[in-house]
């Protein structure tokens, strides 16, 4: 009950706080500057924790070689922040996308060397989070803008980004292993989460609560029964959620809950016309919702609530589309 309240409160308070201000009260560039600064400080804290761990060992040179392995990536990476790597990853994707494509940051992009040096630590940290969906979404952003602008140069940059990610995935063996798990030994695509989702839907169908769901409390029981039936031992042991926000709403609140969540995205689409940073948010959360139960933690609710309400206010036309501010 307390967990549910902790998630609902930011979902109400943050949009209210944002909406009591006018669009003119917000400085888009400064908001993303503060986001970048906050991310960078968080990255420094995590890297300092890794540095202390390495230097505390007798053979610190050998210990440093583990920098690219699981011991210093994924959940272990963001442990000092008491956070989840996926939440950090989505913030990184939103920030990097704004720097790459928003006209407010054109001056940063003018000097290519400084631009690359500026973005490198953020990109490195994104890889360190081992967030497959974060990496995929960033590539999607680049390819989307390349197609929209009809830019061969930008498209080739997207291809180069994919090549760089492949190389880094080889070095960061845990990220590489996560991508390899997508393919079975026979070469066919096999994603364990998809198999878990199928089992969850099967168990949920037996509950006969299609319209209104089983409630957030009983949803965990559905997942555990599904993991037991499907033989997903790790998911059962770790008490995993569905790792799919659409499925979470469907099981907990039925078809009505899922429809409301989809309407939230439709409302965002209708009122922002998916301009620049609005499309970044739209793509990011649509995709992250497919692989994470993003609103299952208060951190995820706060991120979603702020960016949804802020971008909705910022891009919503005051009179008509021709007068809407384009970024």
C-alpha atoms as a PDB file:
ATOM      1  CA  UNK A   1       0.000   0.000   0.000  1.00  0.00           C
ATOM      2  CA  UNK A   2       2.771   2.445   0.963  1.00  0.00           C
ATOM      3  CA  UNK A   3       4.617   1.596  -2.272  1.00  0.00           C
ATOM      4  CA  UNK A   4       1.518   2.401  -4.313  1.00  0.00           C
ATOM      5  CA  UNK A   5       1.097   5.732  -2.521  1.00  0.00           C
ATOM      6  CA  UNK A   6       4.779   6.522  -3.081  1.00  0.00           C
ATOM      7  CA  UNK A   7       4.271   6.025  -6.808  1.00  0.00           C
ATOM      8  CA  UNK A   8       0.949   7.859  -7.096  1.00  0.00           C
ATOM      9  CA  UNK A   9       1.909  11.023  -5.185  1.00  0.00           C
ATOM     10  CA  UNK A  10       4.623  12.192  -7.650  1.00  0.00           C
ATOM     11  CA  UNK A  11       2.258  11.341 -10.514  1.00  0.00           C
ATOM     12  CA  UNK A  12      -0.147  13.969  -9.161  1.00  0.00           C
ATOM     13  CA  UNK A  13       2.075  16.559  -7.494  1.00  0.00           C
ATOM     14  CA  UNK A  14       4.717  17.011 -10.216  1.00  0.00           C
ATOM     15  CA  UNK A  15       2.267  17.732 -13.080  1.00  0.00           C
ATOM     16  CA  UNK A  16       0.366  20.123 -10.802  1.00  0.00           C
ATOM     17  CA  UNK A  17       3.577  21.954  -9.918  1.00  0.00           C
ATOM     18  CA  UNK A  18       4.598  22.192 -13.576  1.00  0.00           C
ATOM     19  CA  UNK A  19       1.172  23.286 -14.794  1.00  0.00           C
ATOM     20  CA  UNK A  20       0.802  26.228 -12.390  1.00  0.00           C
ATOM     21  CA  UNK A  21       3.567  27.958 -14.358  1.00  0.00           C
ATOM     22  CA  UNK A  22       3.444  29.385 -17.851  1.00  0.00           C
ATOM     23  CA  UNK A  23       5.497  28.063 -20.736  1.00  0.00           C
ATOM     24  CA  UNK A  24       7.478  31.324 -20.685  1.00  0.00           C
ATOM     25  CA  UNK A  25       8.587  30.585 -17.109  1.00  0.00           C
ATOM     26  CA  UNK A  26      10.700  27.655 -18.289  1.00  0.00           C
ATOM     27  CA  UNK A  27      14.081  27.905 -19.961  1.00  0.00           C
ATOM     28  CA  UNK A  28      14.457  24.736 -21.987  1.00  0.00           C
ATOM     29  CA  UNK A  29      18.228  25.025 -22.358  1.00  0.00           C
ATOM     30  CA  UNK A  30      18.802  25.589 -18.649  1.00  0.00           C
ATOM     31  CA  UNK A  31      16.627  22.614 -17.709  1.00  0.00           C
ATOM     32  CA  UNK A  32      18.704  20.306 -19.885  1.00  0.00           C
ATOM     33  CA  UNK A  33      21.925  21.916 -18.641  1.00  0.00           C
ATOM     34  CA  UNK A  34      20.898  21.083 -15.081  1.00  0.00           C
ATOM     35  CA  UNK A  35      19.945  17.565 -16.196  1.00  0.00           C
ATOM     36  CA  UNK A  36      23.384  17.133 -17.767  1.00  0.00           C
ATOM     37  CA  UNK A  37      25.123  18.491 -14.676  1.00  0.00           C
ATOM     38  CA  UNK A  38      23.154  16.188 -12.408  1.00  0.00           C
ATOM     39  CA  UNK A  39      23.935  13.191 -14.596  1.00  0.00           C
ATOM     40  CA  UNK A  40      27.616  14.086 -14.686  1.00  0.00           C
ATOM     41  CA  UNK A  41      27.820  14.451 -10.905  1.00  0.00           C
ATOM     42  CA  UNK A  42      26.100  11.085 -10.536  1.00  0.00           C
ATOM     43  CA  UNK A  43      28.574   9.567 -12.982  1.00  0.00           C
ATOM     44  CA  UNK A  44      31.516  11.004 -11.034  1.00  0.00           C
ATOM     45  CA  UNK A  45      30.163   9.496  -7.793  1.00  0.00           C
ATOM     46  CA  UNK A  46      29.836   6.081  -9.436  1.00  0.00           C
ATOM     47  CA  UNK A  47      33.281   6.254 -11.047  1.00  0.00           C
ATOM     48  CA  UNK A  48      34.836   7.406  -7.763  1.00  0.00           C
ATOM     49  CA  UNK A  49      33.281   4.388  -6.042  1.00  0.00           C
ATOM     50  CA  UNK A  50      34.832   2.139  -8.699  1.00  0.00           C
ATOM     51  CA  UNK A  51      38.197   3.871  -8.304  1.00  0.00           C
ATOM     52  CA  UNK A  52      38.159   3.358  -4.510  1.00  0.00           C
ATOM     53  CA  UNK A  53      37.245  -0.299  -4.994  1.00  0.00           C
ATOM     54  CA  UNK A  54      40.096  -0.823  -7.461  1.00  0.00           C
ATOM     55  CA  UNK A  55      42.708   0.953  -5.340  1.00  0.00           C
ATOM     56  CA  UNK A  56      41.673  -0.977  -2.216  1.00  0.00           C
ATOM     57  CA  UNK A  57      42.942  -4.229  -3.727  1.00  0.00           C
ATOM     58  CA  UNK A  58      46.526  -5.410  -3.428  1.00  0.00           C
ATOM     59  CA  UNK A  59      46.807  -6.076  -7.147  1.00  0.00           C
ATOM     60  CA  UNK A  60      44.967  -2.949  -8.245  1.00  0.00           C
ATOM     61  CA  UNK A  61      46.231  -3.249 -11.827  1.00  0.00           C
ATOM     62  CA  UNK A  62      44.539  -6.624 -12.198  1.00  0.00           C
ATOM     63  CA  UNK A  63      41.444  -5.310 -10.461  1.00  0.00           C
ATOM     64  CA  UNK A  64      41.298  -2.407 -12.933  1.00  0.00           C
ATOM     65  CA  UNK A  65      40.952  -4.924 -15.755  1.00  0.00           C
ATOM     66  CA  UNK A  66      37.499  -5.777 -14.356  1.00  0.00           C
ATOM     67  CA  UNK A  67      36.270  -2.243 -15.135  1.00  0.00           C
ATOM     68  CA  UNK A  68      34.451  -3.526 -18.210  1.00  0.00           C
ATOM     69  CA  UNK A  69      32.864  -6.519 -16.467  1.00  0.00           C
ATOM     70  CA  UNK A  70      29.668  -7.012 -14.475  1.00  0.00           C
ATOM     71  CA  UNK A  71      31.328  -6.268 -11.137  1.00  0.00           C
ATOM     72  CA  UNK A  72      31.567  -2.584 -12.114  1.00  0.00           C
ATOM     73  CA  UNK A  73      28.615  -2.247 -14.494  1.00  0.00           C
ATOM     74  CA  UNK A  74      24.811  -2.594 -14.463  1.00  0.00           C
ATOM     75  CA  UNK A  75      23.350  -2.476 -10.932  1.00  0.00           C
ATOM     76  CA  UNK A  76      26.812  -2.444  -9.379  1.00  0.00           C
ATOM     77  CA  UNK A  77      27.625   0.706 -11.323  1.00  0.00           C
ATOM     78  CA  UNK A  78      24.794   2.812  -9.877  1.00  0.00           C
ATOM     79  CA  UNK A  79      24.818   1.223  -6.415  1.00  0.00           C
ATOM     80  CA  UNK A  80      26.174   4.431  -4.769  1.00  0.00           C
ATOM     81  CA  UNK A  81      23.115   6.288  -6.108  1.00  0.00           C
ATOM     82  CA  UNK A  82      20.688   3.651  -4.822  1.00  0.00           C
ATOM     83  CA  UNK A  83      19.080   3.649  -8.254  1.00  0.00           C
ATOM     84  CA  UNK A  84      18.238   1.436 -11.204  1.00  0.00           C
ATOM     85  CA  UNK A  85      20.475   1.432 -14.311  1.00  0.00           C
ATOM     86  CA  UNK A  86      17.483   1.697 -16.661  1.00  0.00           C
ATOM     87  CA  UNK A  87      16.328   4.951 -15.052  1.00  0.00           C
ATOM     88  CA  UNK A  88      19.780   6.440 -15.428  1.00  0.00           C
ATOM     89  CA  UNK A  89      19.910   5.141 -18.997  1.00  0.00           C
ATOM     90  CA  UNK A  90      16.684   6.847 -20.083  1.00  0.00           C
ATOM     91  CA  UNK A  91      17.856  10.166 -18.643  1.00  0.00           C
ATOM     92  CA  UNK A  92      21.125   9.770 -20.531  1.00  0.00           C
ATOM     93  CA  UNK A  93      19.260   9.022 -23.764  1.00  0.00           C
ATOM     94  CA  UNK A  94      17.028  12.102 -23.352  1.00  0.00           C
ATOM     95  CA  UNK A  95      20.024  14.321 -22.597  1.00  0.00           C
ATOM     96  CA  UNK A  96      22.252  12.986 -25.385  1.00  0.00           C
ATOM     97  CA  UNK A  97      19.378  13.281 -27.879  1.00  0.00           C
ATOM     98  CA  UNK A  98      18.806  16.915 -26.919  1.00  0.00           C
ATOM     99  CA  UNK A  99      22.507  17.729 -27.359  1.00  0.00           C
ATOM    100  CA  UNK A 100      22.591  15.949 -30.712  1.00  0.00           C
ATOM    101  CA  UNK A 101      19.502  17.456 -32.298  1.00  0.00           C
ATOM    102  CA  UNK A 102      18.126  20.476 -30.464  1.00  0.00           C
ATOM    103  CA  UNK A 103      18.986  23.864 -31.960  1.00  0.00           C
ATOM    104  CA  UNK A 104      19.573  25.271 -28.474  1.00  0.00           C
ATOM    105  CA  UNK A 105      22.817  23.283 -28.334  1.00  0.00           C
ATOM    106  CA  UNK A 106      24.076  24.088 -31.813  1.00  0.00           C
ATOM    107  CA  UNK A 107      27.110  25.928 -30.403  1.00  0.00           C
ATOM    108  CA  UNK A 108      28.254  22.745 -28.668  1.00  0.00           C
ATOM    109  CA  UNK A 109      28.049  20.859 -31.958  1.00  0.00           C
ATOM    110  CA  UNK A 110      29.996  23.448 -33.991  1.00  0.00           C
ATOM    111  CA  UNK A 111      33.414  22.337 -32.744  1.00  0.00           C
ATOM    112  CA  UNK A 112      33.447  18.620 -33.579  1.00  0.00           C
ATOM    113  CA  UNK A 113      36.353  17.739 -31.295  1.00  0.00           C
ATOM    114  CA  UNK A 114      34.857  19.493 -28.265  1.00  0.00           C
ATOM    115  CA  UNK A 115      31.484  17.998 -29.138  1.00  0.00           C
ATOM    116  CA  UNK A 116      32.843  14.441 -29.156  1.00  0.00           C
ATOM    117  CA  UNK A 117      34.817  15.008 -25.944  1.00  0.00           C
ATOM    118  CA  UNK A 118      31.738  16.494 -24.287  1.00  0.00           C
ATOM    119  CA  UNK A 119      29.429  13.577 -25.126  1.00  0.00           C
ATOM    120  CA  UNK A 120      31.958  10.752 -24.674  1.00  0.00           C
ATOM    121  CA  UNK A 121      31.598  10.325 -20.877  1.00  0.00           C
ATOM    122  CA  UNK A 122      27.794  10.282 -21.131  1.00  0.00           C
ATOM    123  CA  UNK A 123      27.894   7.714 -23.924  1.00  0.00           C
ATOM    124  CA  UNK A 124      30.437   5.599 -22.016  1.00  0.00           C
ATOM    125  CA  UNK A 125      28.243   5.609 -18.937  1.00  0.00           C
ATOM    126  CA  UNK A 126      25.222   4.596 -21.011  1.00  0.00           C
ATOM    127  CA  UNK A 127      27.177   1.561 -22.204  1.00  0.00           C
ATOM    128  CA  UNK A 128      28.223   0.839 -18.610  1.00  0.00           C
ATOM    129  CA  UNK A 129      24.592   0.692 -17.484  1.00  0.00           C
ATOM    130  CA  UNK A 130      24.267  -2.397 -19.720  1.00  0.00           C
ATOM    131  CA  UNK A 131      20.865  -1.115 -20.809  1.00  0.00           C
ATOM    132  CA  UNK A 132      20.122  -2.826 -24.116  1.00  0.00           C
ATOM    133  CA  UNK A 133      16.956  -0.818 -24.624  1.00  0.00           C
ATOM    134  CA  UNK A 134      18.805   2.427 -23.834  1.00  0.00           C
ATOM    135  CA  UNK A 135      21.370   1.708 -26.538  1.00  0.00           C
ATOM    136  CA  UNK A 136      18.681   0.639 -29.019  1.00  0.00           C
ATOM    137  CA  UNK A 137      16.592   3.773 -28.369  1.00  0.00           C
ATOM    138  CA  UNK A 138      19.596   6.061 -28.888  1.00  0.00           C
ATOM    139  CA  UNK A 139      20.316   4.407 -32.241  1.00  0.00           C
ATOM    140  CA  UNK A 140      16.640   4.764 -33.149  1.00  0.00           C
ATOM    141  CA  UNK A 141      16.806   8.502 -32.383  1.00  0.00           C
ATOM    142  CA  UNK A 142      19.765   8.974 -34.736  1.00  0.00           C
ATOM    143  CA  UNK A 143      18.187   6.935 -37.536  1.00  0.00           C
ATOM    144  CA  UNK A 144      14.838   8.702 -37.100  1.00  0.00           C
ATOM    145  CA  UNK A 145      16.433  12.128 -37.591  1.00  0.00           C
ATOM    146  CA  UNK A 146      18.541  10.818 -40.477  1.00  0.00           C
ATOM    147  CA  UNK A 147      15.424   9.604 -42.301  1.00  0.00           C
ATOM    148  CA  UNK A 148      13.406  12.706 -41.421  1.00  0.00           C
ATOM    149  CA  UNK A 149      16.120  15.058 -42.663  1.00  0.00           C
ATOM    150  CA  UNK A 150      17.078  12.845 -45.583  1.00  0.00           C
ATOM    151  CA  UNK A 151      20.651  13.108 -44.372  1.00  0.00           C
ATOM    152  CA  UNK A 152      23.068  10.492 -45.675  1.00  0.00           C
ATOM    153  CA  UNK A 153      25.737  11.870 -43.348  1.00  0.00           C
ATOM    154  CA  UNK A 154      23.512  11.426 -40.311  1.00  0.00           C
ATOM    155  CA  UNK A 155      22.486   7.945 -41.458  1.00  0.00           C
ATOM    156  CA  UNK A 156      26.141   6.943 -41.792  1.00  0.00           C
ATOM    157  CA  UNK A 157      26.709   8.378 -38.317  1.00  0.00           C
ATOM    158  CA  UNK A 158      23.971   6.044 -37.076  1.00  0.00           C
ATOM    159  CA  UNK A 159      25.665   3.096 -38.757  1.00  0.00           C
ATOM    160  CA  UNK A 160      28.990   4.147 -37.209  1.00  0.00           C
ATOM    161  CA  UNK A 161      27.265   4.374 -33.824  1.00  0.00           C
ATOM    162  CA  UNK A 162      25.994   0.808 -34.200  1.00  0.00           C
ATOM    163  CA  UNK A 163      29.521  -0.348 -35.113  1.00  0.00           C
ATOM    164  CA  UNK A 164      30.955   1.450 -32.068  1.00  0.00           C
ATOM    165  CA  UNK A 165      28.348  -0.130 -29.814  1.00  0.00           C
ATOM    166  CA  UNK A 166      29.224  -3.581 -31.167  1.00  0.00           C
ATOM    167  CA  UNK A 167      32.894  -2.989 -30.372  1.00  0.00           C
ATOM    168  CA  UNK A 168      32.091  -1.741 -26.877  1.00  0.00           C
ATOM    169  CA  UNK A 169      29.705  -4.654 -26.310  1.00  0.00           C
ATOM    170  CA  UNK A 170      32.639  -6.984 -27.001  1.00  0.00           C
ATOM    171  CA  UNK A 171      34.731  -5.137 -24.417  1.00  0.00           C
ATOM    172  CA  UNK A 172      31.898  -4.817 -21.890  1.00  0.00           C
ATOM    173  CA  UNK A 173      31.324  -8.559 -21.843  1.00  0.00           C
ATOM    174  CA  UNK A 174      28.145  -8.415 -19.736  1.00  0.00           C
ATOM    175  CA  UNK A 175      26.418  -6.068 -22.198  1.00  0.00           C
ATOM    176  CA  UNK A 176      27.617  -8.280 -25.035  1.00  0.00           C
ATOM    177  CA  UNK A 177      26.264 -11.368 -23.321  1.00  0.00           C
ATOM    178  CA  UNK A 178      22.877  -9.657 -22.893  1.00  0.00           C
ATOM    179  CA  UNK A 179      22.694  -8.990 -26.621  1.00  0.00           C
ATOM    180  CA  UNK A 180      23.855 -12.550 -27.391  1.00  0.00           C
ATOM    181  CA  UNK A 181      20.991 -13.937 -25.296  1.00  0.00           C
ATOM    182  CA  UNK A 182      18.611 -12.602 -27.929  1.00  0.00           C
ATOM    183  CA  UNK A 183      19.797 -15.378 -30.261  1.00  0.00           C
ATOM    184  CA  UNK A 184      19.528 -19.096 -29.571  1.00  0.00           C
ATOM    185  CA  UNK A 185      22.400 -21.514 -30.404  1.00  0.00           C
ATOM    186  CA  UNK A 186      20.486 -22.393 -33.584  1.00  0.00           C
ATOM    187  CA  UNK A 187      20.598 -18.754 -34.683  1.00  0.00           C
ATOM    188  CA  UNK A 188      16.922 -17.971 -34.173  1.00  0.00           C
ATOM    189  CA  UNK A 189      15.700 -15.002 -32.118  1.00  0.00           C
ATOM    190  CA  UNK A 190      14.859 -16.090 -28.584  1.00  0.00           C
ATOM    191  CA  UNK A 191      14.158 -13.482 -25.901  1.00  0.00           C
ATOM    192  CA  UNK A 192      13.500 -14.924 -22.449  1.00  0.00           C
ATOM    193  CA  UNK A 193      11.353 -11.972 -21.429  1.00  0.00           C
ATOM    194  CA  UNK A 194       8.991 -12.673 -24.320  1.00  0.00           C
ATOM    195  CA  UNK A 195       8.635 -16.253 -23.106  1.00  0.00           C
ATOM    196  CA  UNK A 196       7.917 -14.971 -19.598  1.00  0.00           C
ATOM    197  CA  UNK A 197       5.294 -12.571 -20.973  1.00  0.00           C
ATOM    198  CA  UNK A 198       3.550 -15.419 -22.781  1.00  0.00           C
ATOM    199  CA  UNK A 199       3.419 -17.423 -19.576  1.00  0.00           C
ATOM    200  CA  UNK A 200       2.123 -14.412 -17.608  1.00  0.00           C
ATOM    201  CA  UNK A 201      -0.671 -13.849 -20.133  1.00  0.00           C
ATOM    202  CA  UNK A 202      -1.588 -17.542 -19.946  1.00  0.00           C
ATOM    203  CA  UNK A 203      -1.870 -17.416 -16.140  1.00  0.00           C
ATOM    204  CA  UNK A 204      -3.719 -14.091 -16.293  1.00  0.00           C
ATOM    205  CA  UNK A 205      -6.269 -15.548 -18.722  1.00  0.00           C
ATOM    206  CA  UNK A 206      -7.045 -18.222 -16.143  1.00  0.00           C
ATOM    207  CA  UNK A 207      -7.908 -15.475 -13.630  1.00  0.00           C
ATOM    208  CA  UNK A 208     -10.791 -14.301 -15.860  1.00  0.00           C
ATOM    209  CA  UNK A 209     -10.248 -10.618 -14.986  1.00  0.00           C
ATOM    210  CA  UNK A 210      -9.719  -9.342 -18.516  1.00  0.00           C
ATOM    211  CA  UNK A 211     -11.570  -6.028 -18.123  1.00  0.00           C
ATOM    212  CA  UNK A 212     -10.411  -4.806 -14.705  1.00  0.00           C
ATOM    213  CA  UNK A 213      -7.353  -6.903 -13.892  1.00  0.00           C
ATOM    214  CA  UNK A 214      -6.352  -8.572 -10.640  1.00  0.00           C
ATOM    215  CA  UNK A 215      -5.106  -5.456  -8.844  1.00  0.00           C
ATOM    216  CA  UNK A 216      -1.511  -4.392  -8.226  1.00  0.00           C
ATOM    217  CA  UNK A 217      -1.271  -6.531  -5.085  1.00  0.00           C
ATOM    218  CA  UNK A 218      -2.269  -9.801  -6.747  1.00  0.00           C
ATOM    219  CA  UNK A 219      -0.297  -9.082  -9.915  1.00  0.00           C
ATOM    220  CA  UNK A 220       2.861 -10.370  -8.216  1.00  0.00           C
ATOM    221  CA  UNK A 221       1.096 -13.649  -7.488  1.00  0.00           C
ATOM    222  CA  UNK A 222       0.270 -13.964 -11.182  1.00  0.00           C
ATOM    223  CA  UNK A 223       3.916 -13.381 -12.103  1.00  0.00           C
ATOM    224  CA  UNK A 224       5.220 -15.883  -9.558  1.00  0.00           C
ATOM    225  CA  UNK A 225       2.779 -18.542 -10.735  1.00  0.00           C
ATOM    226  CA  UNK A 226       3.818 -17.865 -14.336  1.00  0.00           C
ATOM    227  CA  UNK A 227       7.525 -18.095 -13.508  1.00  0.00           C
ATOM    228  CA  UNK A 228       6.940 -21.328 -11.623  1.00  0.00           C
ATOM    229  CA  UNK A 229       4.899 -22.860 -14.442  1.00  0.00           C
ATOM    230  CA  UNK A 230       7.420 -21.796 -17.072  1.00  0.00           C
ATOM    231  CA  UNK A 231      10.460 -22.887 -15.113  1.00  0.00           C
ATOM    232  CA  UNK A 232      11.963 -19.383 -14.907  1.00  0.00           C
ATOM    233  CA  UNK A 233      13.959 -20.069 -11.757  1.00  0.00           C
ATOM    234  CA  UNK A 234      15.913 -16.803 -11.589  1.00  0.00           C
ATOM    235  CA  UNK A 235      12.801 -14.678 -12.158  1.00  0.00           C
ATOM    236  CA  UNK A 236      11.006 -16.633  -9.440  1.00  0.00           C
ATOM    237  CA  UNK A 237      13.906 -16.368  -7.009  1.00  0.00           C
ATOM    238  CA  UNK A 238      14.382 -12.627  -7.596  1.00  0.00           C
ATOM    239  CA  UNK A 239      10.620 -11.986  -7.601  1.00  0.00           C
ATOM    240  CA  UNK A 240      10.826 -10.150 -10.930  1.00  0.00           C
ATOM    241  CA  UNK A 241       8.074  -7.876 -12.113  1.00  0.00           C
ATOM    242  CA  UNK A 242       6.769  -8.255 -15.676  1.00  0.00           C
ATOM    243  CA  UNK A 243       9.542  -6.093 -17.193  1.00  0.00           C
ATOM    244  CA  UNK A 244       6.871  -4.651 -19.464  1.00  0.00           C
ATOM    245  CA  UNK A 245       4.816  -1.620 -18.459  1.00  0.00           C
ATOM    246  CA  UNK A 246       1.992  -2.440 -20.874  1.00  0.00           C
ATOM    247  CA  UNK A 247       1.696  -5.913 -19.421  1.00  0.00           C
ATOM    248  CA  UNK A 248       1.864  -4.524 -15.869  1.00  0.00           C
ATOM    249  CA  UNK A 249      -1.162  -2.308 -16.521  1.00  0.00           C
ATOM    250  CA  UNK A 250      -2.991  -5.109 -18.328  1.00  0.00           C
ATOM    251  CA  UNK A 251      -2.545  -7.626 -15.500  1.00  0.00           C
ATOM    252  CA  UNK A 252      -3.118  -5.125 -12.667  1.00  0.00           C
ATOM    253  CA  UNK A 253      -5.898  -3.005 -14.198  1.00  0.00           C
ATOM    254  CA  UNK A 254      -7.184  -4.997 -17.145  1.00  0.00           C
ATOM    255  CA  UNK A 255      -7.924  -3.700 -20.609  1.00  0.00           C
ATOM    256  CA  UNK A 256      -9.222  -0.429 -19.128  1.00  0.00           C
ATOM    257  CA  UNK A 257      -5.922   0.273 -17.377  1.00  0.00           C
ATOM    258  CA  UNK A 258      -3.929  -0.500 -20.509  1.00  0.00           C
ATOM    259  CA  UNK A 259      -6.241   1.700 -22.596  1.00  0.00           C
ATOM    260  CA  UNK A 260      -5.731   4.627 -20.211  1.00  0.00           C
ATOM    261  CA  UNK A 261      -1.952   4.268 -20.418  1.00  0.00           C
ATOM    262  CA  UNK A 262      -2.083   4.217 -24.221  1.00  0.00           C
ATOM    263  CA  UNK A 263      -4.401   7.252 -24.178  1.00  0.00           C
ATOM    264  CA  UNK A 264      -1.761   9.119 -22.148  1.00  0.00           C
ATOM    265  CA  UNK A 265       0.653   8.654 -25.058  1.00  0.00           C
ATOM    266  CA  UNK A 266      -2.016   9.572 -27.600  1.00  0.00           C
ATOM    267  CA  UNK A 267      -2.763  12.769 -25.674  1.00  0.00           C
ATOM    268  CA  UNK A 268       0.944  13.625 -25.690  1.00  0.00           C
ATOM    269  CA  UNK A 269       1.118  12.970 -29.423  1.00  0.00           C
ATOM    270  CA  UNK A 270      -1.987  15.071 -30.126  1.00  0.00           C
ATOM    271  CA  UNK A 271      -0.857  18.078 -28.100  1.00  0.00           C
ATOM    272  CA  UNK A 272       2.858  18.236 -28.881  1.00  0.00           C
ATOM    273  CA  UNK A 273       2.820  17.157 -32.544  1.00  0.00           C
ATOM    274  CA  UNK A 274       5.975  15.241 -31.529  1.00  0.00           C
ATOM    275  CA  UNK A 275       8.359  18.102 -32.148  1.00  0.00           C
ATOM    276  CA  UNK A 276      12.084  17.497 -31.497  1.00  0.00           C
ATOM    277  CA  UNK A 277      12.405  16.690 -27.769  1.00  0.00           C
ATOM    278  CA  UNK A 278       8.766  15.567 -27.600  1.00  0.00           C
ATOM    279  CA  UNK A 279       9.531  12.810 -30.112  1.00  0.00           C
ATOM    280  CA  UNK A 280      12.597  11.842 -28.069  1.00  0.00           C
ATOM    281  CA  UNK A 281      10.440  11.410 -24.971  1.00  0.00           C
ATOM    282  CA  UNK A 282       7.724   9.624 -26.971  1.00  0.00           C
ATOM    283  CA  UNK A 283      10.071   7.073 -28.548  1.00  0.00           C
ATOM    284  CA  UNK A 284      12.051   6.546 -25.344  1.00  0.00           C
ATOM    285  CA  UNK A 285       9.063   5.788 -23.128  1.00  0.00           C
ATOM    286  CA  UNK A 286       7.215   3.735 -25.727  1.00  0.00           C
ATOM    287  CA  UNK A 287      10.295   1.548 -26.102  1.00  0.00           C
ATOM    288  CA  UNK A 288      11.311   1.432 -22.434  1.00  0.00           C
ATOM    289  CA  UNK A 289       7.741   0.442 -21.559  1.00  0.00           C
ATOM    290  CA  UNK A 290       8.234  -2.652 -23.721  1.00  0.00           C
ATOM    291  CA  UNK A 291      11.176  -3.939 -21.711  1.00  0.00           C
ATOM    292  CA  UNK A 292      10.822  -2.380 -18.257  1.00  0.00           C
ATOM    293  CA  UNK A 293       8.059  -1.886 -15.698  1.00  0.00           C
ATOM    294  CA  UNK A 294       9.190   1.708 -15.628  1.00  0.00           C
ATOM    295  CA  UNK A 295       6.450   3.069 -13.382  1.00  0.00           C
ATOM    296  CA  UNK A 296       6.983   0.351 -10.798  1.00  0.00           C
ATOM    297  CA  UNK A 297       9.337   2.601  -8.821  1.00  0.00           C
ATOM    298  CA  UNK A 298       8.906   6.153  -7.604  1.00  0.00           C
ATOM    299  CA  UNK A 299      12.035   7.210  -9.539  1.00  0.00           C
ATOM    300  CA  UNK A 300      10.437   6.119 -12.784  1.00  0.00           C
ATOM    301  CA  UNK A 301       7.184   7.872 -11.919  1.00  0.00           C
ATOM    302  CA  UNK A 302       9.031  11.128 -11.170  1.00  0.00           C
ATOM    303  CA  UNK A 303      10.988  11.015 -14.442  1.00  0.00           C
ATOM    304  CA  UNK A 304       7.876  10.258 -16.470  1.00  0.00           C
ATOM    305  CA  UNK A 305       5.718  12.827 -14.647  1.00  0.00           C
ATOM    306  CA  UNK A 306       8.160  15.688 -15.030  1.00  0.00           C
ATOM    307  CA  UNK A 307       9.098  15.231 -18.680  1.00  0.00           C
ATOM    308  CA  UNK A 308       5.542  14.404 -19.728  1.00  0.00           C
ATOM    309  CA  UNK A 309       4.029  17.479 -18.084  1.00  0.00           C
ATOM    310  CA  UNK A 310       6.936  19.790 -18.950  1.00  0.00           C
ATOM    311  CA  UNK A 311       7.081  18.856 -22.642  1.00  0.00           C
ATOM    312  CA  UNK A 312       3.286  18.892 -22.883  1.00  0.00           C
ATOM    313  CA  UNK A 313       3.231  22.449 -21.553  1.00  0.00           C
ATOM    314  CA  UNK A 314       6.264  23.557 -23.542  1.00  0.00           C
ATOM    315  CA  UNK A 315       5.095  22.321 -26.941  1.00  0.00           C
ATOM    316  CA  UNK A 316       1.326  22.635 -26.608  1.00  0.00           C
ATOM    317  CA  UNK A 317       0.210  25.418 -28.988  1.00  0.00           C
ATOM    318  CA  UNK A 318      -1.454  28.370 -27.300  1.00  0.00           C
ATOM    319  CA  UNK A 319      -3.553  29.403 -30.320  1.00  0.00           C
ATOM    320  CA  UNK A 320      -2.813  27.311 -33.377  1.00  0.00           C
ATOM    321  CA  UNK A 321      -0.094  25.177 -34.823  1.00  0.00           C
ATOM    322  CA  UNK A 322       1.400  27.983 -36.885  1.00  0.00           C
ATOM    323  CA  UNK A 323       2.041  29.967 -33.710  1.00  0.00           C
ATOM    324  CA  UNK A 324       3.446  27.005 -31.816  1.00  0.00           C
ATOM    325  CA  UNK A 325       7.027  27.313 -30.774  1.00  0.00           C
ATOM    326  CA  UNK A 326       9.314  24.979 -32.687  1.00  0.00           C
ATOM    327  CA  UNK A 327      12.545  23.843 -31.110  1.00  0.00           C
END
